[in-house]
Amino acid sequence: MEEDETPYNEGITKINPAALKAIASARVETLAQEKQTHQSYQPPCPVQSIVSSTTLKAKASIHITQLARPKDRKELEENPNVWKVSHGAKNSSSFSKSIRAFRTSPKKS
């Protein structure tokens, strides 16, 4: 890094004198003003969910419990190439398949 360059995490130490004398255009001044809040804006209400006591006491079924469990990674540990993309799939082109399907499809008159 050269002497004149400043790292991004440090503040600006030198300000160009031309920047201090610059005058912003009317458009830039307009853009610099904060947007006004719409007159009918209402701040969000706090969320209140009413949960019945039967829902709080409910037990999940065996099927739901099985679905909630994360998948076992044993298959990946035993065979690391289980999700490997084949060479043929990497080199395939959907364009050629589309042309072939177009040529073999019956023509409508």
PDB file of N, CA and C in Angstrom:
ATOM      1  N   MET A   1       0.852  -1.180   0.000  1.00  0.00           N
ATOM      2  CA  MET A   1       0.000   0.000   0.000  1.00  0.00           C
ATOM      3  C   MET A   1       0.893   1.237   0.000  1.00  0.00           C
ATOM      4  N   GLU A   2       0.583   2.186  -0.838  1.00  0.00           N
ATOM      5  CA  GLU A   2       1.374   3.406  -0.921  1.00  0.00           C
ATOM      6  C   GLU A   2       1.064   4.308   0.263  1.00  0.00           C
ATOM      7  N   GLU A   3       1.878   5.352   0.430  1.00  0.00           N
ATOM      8  CA  GLU A   3       1.713   6.251   1.565  1.00  0.00           C
ATOM      9  C   GLU A   3       0.425   7.055   1.492  1.00  0.00           C
ATOM     10  N   ASP A   4      -0.034   7.411   0.271  1.00  0.00           N
ATOM     11  CA  ASP A   4      -1.220   8.245   0.128  1.00  0.00           C
ATOM     12  C   ASP A   4      -2.512   7.456   0.352  1.00  0.00           C
ATOM     13  N   GLU A   5      -2.458   6.129   0.180  1.00  0.00           N
ATOM     14  CA  GLU A   5      -3.664   5.320   0.324  1.00  0.00           C
ATOM     15  C   GLU A   5      -3.996   5.121   1.799  1.00  0.00           C
ATOM     16  N   THR A   6      -5.301   5.081   2.080  1.00  0.00           N
ATOM     17  CA  THR A   6      -5.772   4.887   3.441  1.00  0.00           C
ATOM     18  C   THR A   6      -6.580   3.605   3.494  1.00  0.00           C
ATOM     19  N   PRO A   7      -6.362   2.737   4.487  1.00  0.00           N
ATOM     20  CA  PRO A   7      -7.190   1.538   4.605  1.00  0.00           C
ATOM     21  C   PRO A   7      -8.653   1.919   4.815  1.00  0.00           C
ATOM     22  N   TYR A   8      -9.559   1.034   4.365  1.00  0.00           N
ATOM     23  CA  TYR A   8     -10.982   1.338   4.428  1.00  0.00           C
ATOM     24  C   TYR A   8     -11.501   1.458   5.860  1.00  0.00           C
ATOM     25  N   ASN A   9     -10.877   0.787   6.810  1.00  0.00           N
ATOM     26  CA  ASN A   9     -11.391   0.826   8.171  1.00  0.00           C
ATOM     27  C   ASN A   9     -10.946   2.058   8.952  1.00  0.00           C
ATOM     28  N   GLU A  10     -10.086   2.875   8.366  1.00  0.00           N
ATOM     29  CA  GLU A  10      -9.664   4.106   9.034  1.00  0.00           C
ATOM     30  C   GLU A  10     -10.442   5.284   8.464  1.00  0.00           C
ATOM     31  N   GLY A  11     -10.554   6.348   9.222  1.00  0.00           N
ATOM     32  CA  GLY A  11     -11.249   7.538   8.760  1.00  0.00           C
ATOM     33  C   GLY A  11     -10.450   8.294   7.717  1.00  0.00           C
ATOM     34  N   ILE A  12     -11.093   9.234   7.079  1.00  0.00           N
ATOM     35  CA  ILE A  12     -10.417  10.055   6.082  1.00  0.00           C
ATOM     36  C   ILE A  12      -9.597  11.102   6.828  1.00  0.00           C
ATOM     37  N   THR A  13      -8.310  11.154   6.538  1.00  0.00           N
ATOM     38  CA  THR A  13      -7.455  12.109   7.242  1.00  0.00           C
ATOM     39  C   THR A  13      -7.201  13.354   6.419  1.00  0.00           C
ATOM     40  N   LYS A  14      -7.150  13.201   5.098  1.00  0.00           N
ATOM     41  CA  LYS A  14      -6.909  14.346   4.233  1.00  0.00           C
ATOM     42  C   LYS A  14      -8.127  14.568   3.353  1.00  0.00           C
ATOM     43  N   ILE A  15      -8.589  15.805   3.268  1.00  0.00           N
ATOM     44  CA  ILE A  15      -9.712  16.157   2.397  1.00  0.00           C
ATOM     45  C   ILE A  15      -9.182  17.066   1.310  1.00  0.00           C
ATOM     46  N   ASN A  16      -9.546  16.710   0.103  1.00  0.00           N
ATOM     47  CA  ASN A  16      -9.113  17.482  -1.051  1.00  0.00           C
ATOM     48  C   ASN A  16      -9.661  18.913  -0.907  1.00  0.00           C
ATOM     49  N   PRO A  17      -8.835  19.944  -1.060  1.00  0.00           N
ATOM     50  CA  PRO A  17      -9.303  21.330  -0.933  1.00  0.00           C
ATOM     51  C   PRO A  17     -10.413  21.668  -1.927  1.00  0.00           C
ATOM     52  N   ALA A  18     -10.388  21.074  -3.099  1.00  0.00           N
ATOM     53  CA  ALA A  18     -11.435  21.328  -4.086  1.00  0.00           C
ATOM     54  C   ALA A  18     -12.779  20.800  -3.589  1.00  0.00           C
ATOM     55  N   ALA A  19     -12.755  19.703  -2.839  1.00  0.00           N
ATOM     56  CA  ALA A  19     -13.997  19.142  -2.301  1.00  0.00           C
ATOM     57  C   ALA A  19     -14.587  20.068  -1.246  1.00  0.00           C
ATOM     58  N   LEU A  20     -13.743  20.769  -0.514  1.00  0.00           N
ATOM     59  CA  LEU A  20     -14.234  21.700   0.511  1.00  0.00           C
ATOM     60  C   LEU A  20     -14.890  22.924  -0.123  1.00  0.00           C
ATOM     61  N   LYS A  21     -14.452  23.297  -1.328  1.00  0.00           N
ATOM     62  CA  LYS A  21     -14.993  24.480  -1.996  1.00  0.00           C
ATOM     63  C   LYS A  21     -16.164  24.149  -2.925  1.00  0.00           C
ATOM     64  N   ALA A  22     -16.450  22.876  -3.107  1.00  0.00           N
ATOM     65  CA  ALA A  22     -17.492  22.461  -4.060  1.00  0.00           C
ATOM     66  C   ALA A  22     -18.872  22.909  -3.589  1.00  0.00           C
ATOM     67  N   ILE A  23     -19.724  23.236  -4.552  1.00  0.00           N
ATOM     68  CA  ILE A  23     -21.103  23.636  -4.258  1.00  0.00           C
ATOM     69  C   ILE A  23     -22.026  22.601  -4.892  1.00  0.00           C
ATOM     70  N   ALA A  24     -22.924  22.049  -4.087  1.00  0.00           N
ATOM     71  CA  ALA A  24     -23.839  21.017  -4.578  1.00  0.00           C
ATOM     72  C   ALA A  24     -24.924  21.652  -5.426  1.00  0.00           C
ATOM     73  N   SER A  25     -25.363  20.922  -6.442  1.00  0.00           N
ATOM     74  CA  SER A  25     -26.447  21.412  -7.297  1.00  0.00           C
ATOM     75  C   SER A  25     -27.772  21.317  -6.541  1.00  0.00           C
ATOM     76  N   ALA A  26     -28.795  21.968  -7.063  1.00  0.00           N
ATOM     77  CA  ALA A  26     -30.108  21.946  -6.425  1.00  0.00           C
ATOM     78  C   ALA A  26     -30.646  20.515  -6.372  1.00  0.00           C
ATOM     79  N   ARG A  27     -30.380  19.732  -7.417  1.00  0.00           N
ATOM     80  CA  ARG A  27     -30.848  18.343  -7.455  1.00  0.00           C
ATOM     81  C   ARG A  27     -30.193  17.520  -6.347  1.00  0.00           C
ATOM     82  N   VAL A  28     -28.905  17.697  -6.139  1.00  0.00           N
ATOM     83  CA  VAL A  28     -28.194  16.970  -5.090  1.00  0.00           C
ATOM     84  C   VAL A  28     -28.724  17.378  -3.723  1.00  0.00           C
ATOM     85  N   GLU A  29     -29.004  18.670  -3.542  1.00  0.00           N
ATOM     86  CA  GLU A  29     -29.564  19.138  -2.273  1.00  0.00           C
ATOM     87  C   GLU A  29     -30.932  18.507  -2.024  1.00  0.00           C
ATOM     88  N   THR A  30     -31.747  18.388  -3.075  1.00  0.00           N
ATOM     89  CA  THR A  30     -33.070  17.766  -2.951  1.00  0.00           C
ATOM     90  C   THR A  30     -32.930  16.295  -2.579  1.00  0.00           C
ATOM     91  N   LEU A  31     -32.009  15.605  -3.220  1.00  0.00           N
ATOM     92  CA  LEU A  31     -31.802  14.198  -2.927  1.00  0.00           C
ATOM     93  C   LEU A  31     -31.242  13.969  -1.528  1.00  0.00           C
ATOM     94  N   ALA A  32     -30.545  14.946  -0.987  1.00  0.00           N
ATOM     95  CA  ALA A  32     -29.942  14.807   0.333  1.00  0.00           C
ATOM     96  C   ALA A  32     -30.959  14.944   1.461  1.00  0.00           C
ATOM     97  N   GLN A  33     -32.138  15.489   1.165  1.00  0.00           N
ATOM     98  CA  GLN A  33     -33.157  15.658   2.205  1.00  0.00           C
ATOM     99  C   GLN A  33     -33.803  14.308   2.513  1.00  0.00           C
ATOM    100  N   GLU A  34     -34.135  14.080   3.792  1.00  0.00           N
ATOM    101  CA  GLU A  34     -34.764  12.816   4.173  1.00  0.00           C
ATOM    102  C   GLU A  34     -36.205  12.765   3.681  1.00  0.00           C
ATOM    103  N   LYS A  35     -36.671  11.545   3.408  1.00  0.00           N
ATOM    104  CA  LYS A  35     -38.037  11.371   2.933  1.00  0.00           C
ATOM    105  C   LYS A  35     -39.008  11.609   4.089  1.00  0.00           C
ATOM    106  N   GLN A  36     -40.122  12.203   3.772  1.00  0.00           N
ATOM    107  CA  GLN A  36     -41.137  12.458   4.778  1.00  0.00           C
ATOM    108  C   GLN A  36     -42.000  11.211   4.949  1.00  0.00           C
ATOM    109  N   THR A  37     -42.430  10.957   6.162  1.00  0.00           N
ATOM    110  CA  THR A  37     -43.294   9.821   6.442  1.00  0.00           C
ATOM    111  C   THR A  37     -44.685  10.099   5.900  1.00  0.00           C
ATOM    112  N   HIS A  38     -45.304   9.089   5.302  1.00  0.00           N
ATOM    113  CA  HIS A  38     -46.645   9.249   4.745  1.00  0.00           C
ATOM    114  C   HIS A  38     -47.616   9.594   5.861  1.00  0.00           C
ATOM    115  N   GLN A  39     -48.597  10.447   5.553  1.00  0.00           N
ATOM    116  CA  GLN A  39     -49.512  10.953   6.584  1.00  0.00           C
ATOM    117  C   GLN A  39     -50.375   9.846   7.197  1.00  0.00           C
ATOM    118  N   SER A  40     -50.645   8.765   6.449  1.00  0.00           N
ATOM    119  CA  SER A  40     -51.494   7.711   7.010  1.00  0.00           C
ATOM    120  C   SER A  40     -50.668   6.529   7.534  1.00  0.00           C
ATOM    121  N   TYR A  41     -49.359   6.693   7.662  1.00  0.00           N
ATOM    122  CA  TYR A  41     -48.507   5.613   8.168  1.00  0.00           C
ATOM    123  C   TYR A  41     -48.786   5.364   9.640  1.00  0.00           C
ATOM    124  N   GLN A  42     -48.911   4.099   9.986  1.00  0.00           N
ATOM    125  CA  GLN A  42     -49.058   3.710  11.385  1.00  0.00           C
ATOM    126  C   GLN A  42     -47.946   2.715  11.703  1.00  0.00           C
ATOM    127  N   PRO A  43     -47.260   2.891  12.809  1.00  0.00           N
ATOM    128  CA  PRO A  43     -46.189   1.957  13.149  1.00  0.00           C
ATOM    129  C   PRO A  43     -46.766   0.555  13.368  1.00  0.00           C
ATOM    130  N   PRO A  44     -45.978  -0.482  13.156  1.00  0.00           N
ATOM    131  CA  PRO A  44     -46.485  -1.836  13.307  1.00  0.00           C
ATOM    132  C   PRO A  44     -46.922  -2.129  14.739  1.00  0.00           C
ATOM    133  N   CYS A  45     -47.975  -2.886  14.852  1.00  0.00           N
ATOM    134  CA  CYS A  45     -48.487  -3.277  16.168  1.00  0.00           C
ATOM    135  C   CYS A  45     -47.670  -4.453  16.689  1.00  0.00           C
ATOM    136  N   PRO A  46     -47.543  -4.579  17.989  1.00  0.00           N
ATOM    137  CA  PRO A  46     -46.843  -5.743  18.529  1.00  0.00           C
ATOM    138  C   PRO A  46     -47.646  -7.006  18.213  1.00  0.00           C
ATOM    139  N   VAL A  47     -46.941  -8.070  17.879  1.00  0.00           N
ATOM    140  CA  VAL A  47     -47.603  -9.316  17.519  1.00  0.00           C
ATOM    141  C   VAL A  47     -48.027 -10.043  18.785  1.00  0.00           C
ATOM    142  N   GLN A  48     -49.294 -10.405  18.821  1.00  0.00           N
ATOM    143  CA  GLN A  48     -49.815 -11.154  19.970  1.00  0.00           C
ATOM    144  C   GLN A  48     -50.533 -12.376  19.427  1.00  0.00           C
ATOM    145  N   SER A  49     -49.987 -13.533  19.704  1.00  0.00           N
ATOM    146  CA  SER A  49     -50.614 -14.773  19.278  1.00  0.00           C
ATOM    147  C   SER A  49     -51.250 -15.439  20.482  1.00  0.00           C
ATOM    148  N   ILE A  50     -52.507 -15.804  20.316  1.00  0.00           N
ATOM    149  CA  ILE A  50     -53.202 -16.503  21.394  1.00  0.00           C
ATOM    150  C   ILE A  50     -53.127 -17.989  21.078  1.00  0.00           C
ATOM    151  N   VAL A  51     -52.447 -18.732  21.949  1.00  0.00           N
ATOM    152  CA  VAL A  51     -52.279 -20.165  21.766  1.00  0.00           C
ATOM    153  C   VAL A  51     -53.099 -20.867  22.830  1.00  0.00           C
ATOM    154  N   SER A  52     -53.964 -21.762  22.368  1.00  0.00           N
ATOM    155  CA  SER A  52     -54.837 -22.461  23.326  1.00  0.00           C
ATOM    156  C   SER A  52     -54.027 -23.435  24.172  1.00  0.00           C
ATOM    157  N   SER A  53     -54.577 -23.785  25.322  1.00  0.00           N
ATOM    158  CA  SER A  53     -53.871 -24.690  26.238  1.00  0.00           C
ATOM    159  C   SER A  53     -53.759 -26.089  25.642  1.00  0.00           C
ATOM    160  N   THR A  54     -54.761 -26.519  24.834  1.00  0.00           N
ATOM    161  CA  THR A  54     -54.668 -27.843  24.204  1.00  0.00           C
ATOM    162  C   THR A  54     -53.526 -27.889  23.195  1.00  0.00           C
ATOM    163  N   THR A  55     -53.283 -26.788  22.515  1.00  0.00           N
ATOM    164  CA  THR A  55     -52.173 -26.737  21.570  1.00  0.00           C
ATOM    165  C   THR A  55     -50.846 -26.817  22.309  1.00  0.00           C
ATOM    166  N   LEU A  56     -50.760 -26.155  23.429  1.00  0.00           N
ATOM    167  CA  LEU A  56     -49.526 -26.181  24.213  1.00  0.00           C
ATOM    168  C   LEU A  56     -49.241 -27.568  24.768  1.00  0.00           C
ATOM    169  N   LYS A  57     -50.281 -28.354  25.037  1.00  0.00           N
ATOM    170  CA  LYS A  57     -50.122 -29.686  25.621  1.00  0.00           C
ATOM    171  C   LYS A  57     -50.042 -30.780  24.567  1.00  0.00           C
ATOM    172  N   ALA A  58     -50.179 -30.448  23.276  1.00  0.00           N
ATOM    173  CA  ALA A  58     -50.229 -31.445  22.203  1.00  0.00           C
ATOM    174  C   ALA A  58     -48.892 -32.159  22.050  1.00  0.00           C
ATOM    175  N   LYS A  59     -48.973 -33.435  21.670  1.00  0.00           N
ATOM    176  CA  LYS A  59     -47.779 -34.249  21.420  1.00  0.00           C
ATOM    177  C   LYS A  59     -47.683 -34.498  19.919  1.00  0.00           C
ATOM    178  N   ALA A  60     -46.486 -34.426  19.384  1.00  0.00           N
ATOM    179  CA  ALA A  60     -46.271 -34.668  17.959  1.00  0.00           C
ATOM    180  C   ALA A  60     -46.367 -36.161  17.685  1.00  0.00           C
ATOM    181  N   SER A  61     -46.925 -36.494  16.504  1.00  0.00           N
ATOM    182  CA  SER A  61     -47.034 -37.903  16.125  1.00  0.00           C
ATOM    183  C   SER A  61     -45.645 -38.447  15.789  1.00  0.00           C
ATOM    184  N   ILE A  62     -45.550 -39.775  15.688  1.00  0.00           N
ATOM    185  CA  ILE A  62     -44.268 -40.407  15.364  1.00  0.00           C
ATOM    186  C   ILE A  62     -43.788 -39.938  13.995  1.00  0.00           C
ATOM    187  N   HIS A  63     -44.722 -39.823  13.059  1.00  0.00           N
ATOM    188  CA  HIS A  63     -44.357 -39.390  11.703  1.00  0.00           C
ATOM    189  C   HIS A  63     -43.800 -37.966  11.707  1.00  0.00           C
ATOM    190  N   ILE A  64     -44.436 -37.066  12.437  1.00  0.00           N
ATOM    191  CA  ILE A  64     -43.958 -35.679  12.525  1.00  0.00           C
ATOM    192  C   ILE A  64     -42.589 -35.638  13.197  1.00  0.00           C
ATOM    193  N   THR A  65     -42.388 -36.451  14.212  1.00  0.00           N
ATOM    194  CA  THR A  65     -41.093 -36.500  14.899  1.00  0.00           C
ATOM    195  C   THR A  65     -40.006 -36.986  13.948  1.00  0.00           C
ATOM    196  N   GLN A  66     -40.318 -37.994  13.111  1.00  0.00           N
ATOM    197  CA  GLN A  66     -39.344 -38.489  12.139  1.00  0.00           C
ATOM    198  C   GLN A  66     -39.011 -37.418  11.102  1.00  0.00           C
ATOM    199  N   LEU A  67     -40.031 -36.671  10.651  1.00  0.00           N
ATOM    200  CA  LEU A  67     -39.791 -35.613   9.682  1.00  0.00           C
ATOM    201  C   LEU A  67     -38.949 -34.477  10.266  1.00  0.00           C
ATOM    202  N   ALA A  68     -39.075 -34.261  11.558  1.00  0.00           N
ATOM    203  CA  ALA A  68     -38.354 -33.159  12.203  1.00  0.00           C
ATOM    204  C   ALA A  68     -36.883 -33.485  12.412  1.00  0.00           C
ATOM    205  N   ARG A  69     -36.528 -34.766  12.413  1.00  0.00           N
ATOM    206  CA  ARG A  69     -35.141 -35.164  12.621  1.00  0.00           C
ATOM    207  C   ARG A  69     -34.297 -34.844  11.393  1.00  0.00           C
ATOM    208  N   PRO A  70     -33.072 -34.355  11.561  1.00  0.00           N
ATOM    209  CA  PRO A  70     -32.221 -34.092  10.403  1.00  0.00           C
ATOM    210  C   PRO A  70     -31.807 -35.394   9.734  1.00  0.00           C
ATOM    211  N   LYS A  71     -31.505 -35.323   8.448  1.00  0.00           N
ATOM    212  CA  LYS A  71     -31.103 -36.512   7.708  1.00  0.00           C
ATOM    213  C   LYS A  71     -29.741 -36.994   8.194  1.00  0.00           C
ATOM    214  N   ASP A  72     -29.587 -38.302   8.159  1.00  0.00           N
ATOM    215  CA  ASP A  72     -28.337 -38.925   8.584  1.00  0.00           C
ATOM    216  C   ASP A  72     -27.283 -38.763   7.495  1.00  0.00           C
ATOM    217  N   ARG A  73     -26.075 -38.418   7.866  1.00  0.00           N
ATOM    218  CA  ARG A  73     -25.001 -38.191   6.897  1.00  0.00           C
ATOM    219  C   ARG A  73     -24.129 -39.437   6.726  1.00  0.00           C
ATOM    220  N   LYS A  74     -24.594 -40.605   7.230  1.00  0.00           N
ATOM    221  CA  LYS A  74     -23.808 -41.827   7.131  1.00  0.00           C
ATOM    222  C   LYS A  74     -23.503 -42.183   5.684  1.00  0.00           C
ATOM    223  N   GLU A  75     -24.492 -42.021   4.813  1.00  0.00           N
ATOM    224  CA  GLU A  75     -24.319 -42.372   3.409  1.00  0.00           C
ATOM    225  C   GLU A  75     -23.180 -41.565   2.783  1.00  0.00           C
ATOM    226  N   LEU A  76     -23.066 -40.307   3.143  1.00  0.00           N
ATOM    227  CA  LEU A  76     -21.998 -39.463   2.611  1.00  0.00           C
ATOM    228  C   LEU A  76     -20.646 -39.890   3.163  1.00  0.00           C
ATOM    229  N   GLU A  77     -20.602 -40.284   4.437  1.00  0.00           N
ATOM    230  CA  GLU A  77     -19.340 -40.710   5.036  1.00  0.00           C
ATOM    231  C   GLU A  77     -18.861 -42.020   4.421  1.00  0.00           C
ATOM    232  N   GLU A  78     -19.810 -42.922   4.116  1.00  0.00           N
ATOM    233  CA  GLU A  78     -19.440 -44.215   3.532  1.00  0.00           C
ATOM    234  C   GLU A  78     -19.035 -44.071   2.066  1.00  0.00           C
ATOM    235  N   ASN A  79     -19.722 -43.224   1.326  1.00  0.00           N
ATOM    236  CA  ASN A  79     -19.448 -43.044  -0.101  1.00  0.00           C
ATOM    237  C   ASN A  79     -19.396 -41.543  -0.392  1.00  0.00           C
ATOM    238  N   PRO A  80     -18.214 -40.917  -0.379  1.00  0.00           N
ATOM    239  CA  PRO A  80     -18.126 -39.464  -0.580  1.00  0.00           C
ATOM    240  C   PRO A  80     -18.545 -39.019  -1.981  1.00  0.00           C
ATOM    241  N   ASN A  81     -18.635 -39.948  -2.955  1.00  0.00           N
ATOM    242  CA  ASN A  81     -19.005 -39.591  -4.317  1.00  0.00           C
ATOM    243  C   ASN A  81     -20.504 -39.719  -4.571  1.00  0.00           C
ATOM    244  N   VAL A  82     -21.291 -39.850  -3.508  1.00  0.00           N
ATOM    245  CA  VAL A  82     -22.721 -40.077  -3.679  1.00  0.00           C
ATOM    246  C   VAL A  82     -23.399 -38.886  -4.373  1.00  0.00           C
ATOM    247  N   TRP A  83     -22.893 -37.670  -4.161  1.00  0.00           N
ATOM    248  CA  TRP A  83     -23.491 -36.495  -4.776  1.00  0.00           C
ATOM    249  C   TRP A  83     -22.619 -35.929  -5.895  1.00  0.00           C
ATOM    250  N   LYS A  84     -21.655 -36.685  -6.354  1.00  0.00           N
ATOM    251  CA  LYS A  84     -20.757 -36.207  -7.406  1.00  0.00           C
ATOM    252  C   LYS A  84     -21.513 -36.180  -8.736  1.00  0.00           C
ATOM    253  N   VAL A  85     -21.332 -35.116  -9.493  1.00  0.00           N
ATOM    254  CA  VAL A  85     -21.977 -34.962 -10.793  1.00  0.00           C
ATOM    255  C   VAL A  85     -21.130 -35.696 -11.827  1.00  0.00           C
ATOM    256  N   SER A  86     -21.796 -36.534 -12.637  1.00  0.00           N
ATOM    257  CA  SER A  86     -21.067 -37.337 -13.623  1.00  0.00           C
ATOM    258  C   SER A  86     -20.475 -36.448 -14.715  1.00  0.00           C
ATOM    259  N   HIS A  87     -19.455 -36.985 -15.384  1.00  0.00           N
ATOM    260  CA  HIS A  87     -18.776 -36.253 -16.463  1.00  0.00           C
ATOM    261  C   HIS A  87     -19.748 -35.961 -17.607  1.00  0.00           C
ATOM    262  N   GLY A  88     -20.585 -36.939 -17.932  1.00  0.00           N
ATOM    263  CA  GLY A  88     -21.561 -36.756 -19.002  1.00  0.00           C
ATOM    264  C   GLY A  88     -22.571 -35.668 -18.680  1.00  0.00           C
ATOM    265  N   ALA A  89     -22.999 -35.581 -17.421  1.00  0.00           N
ATOM    266  CA  ALA A  89     -23.956 -34.548 -17.026  1.00  0.00           C
ATOM    267  C   ALA A  89     -23.324 -33.162 -17.097  1.00  0.00           C
ATOM    268  N   LYS A  90     -22.060 -33.083 -16.753  1.00  0.00           N
ATOM    269  CA  LYS A  90     -21.367 -31.789 -16.811  1.00  0.00           C
ATOM    270  C   LYS A  90     -21.224 -31.298 -18.246  1.00  0.00           C
ATOM    271  N   ASN A  91     -21.025 -32.232 -19.198  1.00  0.00           N
ATOM    272  CA  ASN A  91     -20.789 -31.855 -20.586  1.00  0.00           C
ATOM    273  C   ASN A  91     -22.064 -31.799 -21.419  1.00  0.00           C
ATOM    274  N   SER A  92     -23.198 -32.127 -20.841  1.00  0.00           N
ATOM    275  CA  SER A  92     -24.426 -32.153 -21.634  1.00  0.00           C
ATOM    276  C   SER A  92     -24.901 -30.737 -21.935  1.00  0.00           C
ATOM    277  N   SER A  93     -25.713 -30.624 -22.979  1.00  0.00           N
ATOM    278  CA  SER A  93     -26.226 -29.330 -23.395  1.00  0.00           C
ATOM    279  C   SER A  93     -27.721 -29.452 -23.603  1.00  0.00           C
ATOM    280  N   SER A  94     -28.475 -28.591 -23.003  1.00  0.00           N
ATOM    281  CA  SER A  94     -29.926 -28.641 -23.149  1.00  0.00           C
ATOM    282  C   SER A  94     -30.335 -28.170 -24.544  1.00  0.00           C
ATOM    283  N   PHE A  95     -29.515 -27.368 -25.199  1.00  0.00           N
ATOM    284  CA  PHE A  95     -29.842 -26.857 -26.527  1.00  0.00           C
ATOM    285  C   PHE A  95     -29.957 -28.004 -27.529  1.00  0.00           C
ATOM    286  N   SER A  96     -28.980 -28.909 -27.538  1.00  0.00           N
ATOM    287  CA  SER A  96     -29.007 -30.016 -28.489  1.00  0.00           C
ATOM    288  C   SER A  96     -30.196 -30.928 -28.214  1.00  0.00           C
ATOM    289  N   LYS A  97     -30.545 -31.128 -26.953  1.00  0.00           N
ATOM    290  CA  LYS A  97     -31.699 -31.949 -26.610  1.00  0.00           C
ATOM    291  C   LYS A  97     -32.982 -31.289 -27.091  1.00  0.00           C
ATOM    292  N   SER A  98     -33.067 -29.983 -26.988  1.00  0.00           N
ATOM    293  CA  SER A  98     -34.254 -29.259 -27.436  1.00  0.00           C
ATOM    294  C   SER A  98     -34.406 -29.352 -28.943  1.00  0.00           C
ATOM    295  N   ILE A  99     -33.310 -29.227 -29.689  1.00  0.00           N
ATOM    296  CA  ILE A  99     -33.341 -29.323 -31.155  1.00  0.00           C
ATOM    297  C   ILE A  99     -33.777 -30.727 -31.565  1.00  0.00           C
ATOM    298  N   ARG A 100     -33.227 -31.744 -30.901  1.00  0.00           N
ATOM    299  CA  ARG A 100     -33.579 -33.119 -31.205  1.00  0.00           C
ATOM    300  C   ARG A 100     -35.071 -33.351 -30.946  1.00  0.00           C
ATOM    301  N   ALA A 101     -35.601 -32.847 -29.850  1.00  0.00           N
ATOM    302  CA  ALA A 101     -37.015 -33.010 -29.527  1.00  0.00           C
ATOM    303  C   ALA A 101     -37.883 -32.261 -30.533  1.00  0.00           C
ATOM    304  N   PHE A 102     -37.426 -31.104 -30.975  1.00  0.00           N
ATOM    305  CA  PHE A 102     -38.184 -30.311 -31.944  1.00  0.00           C
ATOM    306  C   PHE A 102     -38.263 -31.029 -33.290  1.00  0.00           C
ATOM    307  N   ARG A 103     -37.158 -31.618 -33.712  1.00  0.00           N
ATOM    308  CA  ARG A 103     -37.115 -32.300 -35.012  1.00  0.00           C
ATOM    309  C   ARG A 103     -37.944 -33.580 -35.018  1.00  0.00           C
ATOM    310  N   THR A 104     -38.028 -34.252 -33.883  1.00  0.00           N
ATOM    311  CA  THR A 104     -38.745 -35.524 -33.829  1.00  0.00           C
ATOM    312  C   THR A 104     -40.225 -35.343 -33.523  1.00  0.00           C
ATOM    313  N   SER A 105     -40.643 -34.162 -33.107  1.00  0.00           N
ATOM    314  CA  SER A 105     -42.054 -33.965 -32.777  1.00  0.00           C
ATOM    315  C   SER A 105     -42.875 -33.855 -34.065  1.00  0.00           C
ATOM    316  N   PRO A 106     -44.120 -34.374 -34.042  1.00  0.00           N
ATOM    317  CA  PRO A 106     -44.959 -34.308 -35.247  1.00  0.00           C
ATOM    318  C   PRO A 106     -45.349 -32.865 -35.552  1.00  0.00           C
ATOM    319  N   LYS A 107     -45.394 -32.528 -36.823  1.00  0.00           N
ATOM    320  CA  LYS A 107     -45.748 -31.173 -37.253  1.00  0.00           C
ATOM    321  C   LYS A 107     -47.270 -31.020 -37.235  1.00  0.00           C
ATOM    322  N   LYS A 108     -47.726 -29.873 -36.762  1.00  0.00           N
ATOM    323  CA  LYS A 108     -49.162 -29.554 -36.789  1.00  0.00           C
ATOM    324  C   LYS A 108     -49.451 -28.695 -38.007  1.00  0.00           C
ATOM    325  N   SER A 109     -50.537 -29.008 -38.681  1.00  0.00           N
ATOM    326  CA  SER A 109     -50.841 -28.218 -39.871  1.00  0.00           C
ATOM    327  C   SER A 109     -52.059 -27.355 -39.678  1.00  0.00           C
TER     328      SER A 109
END
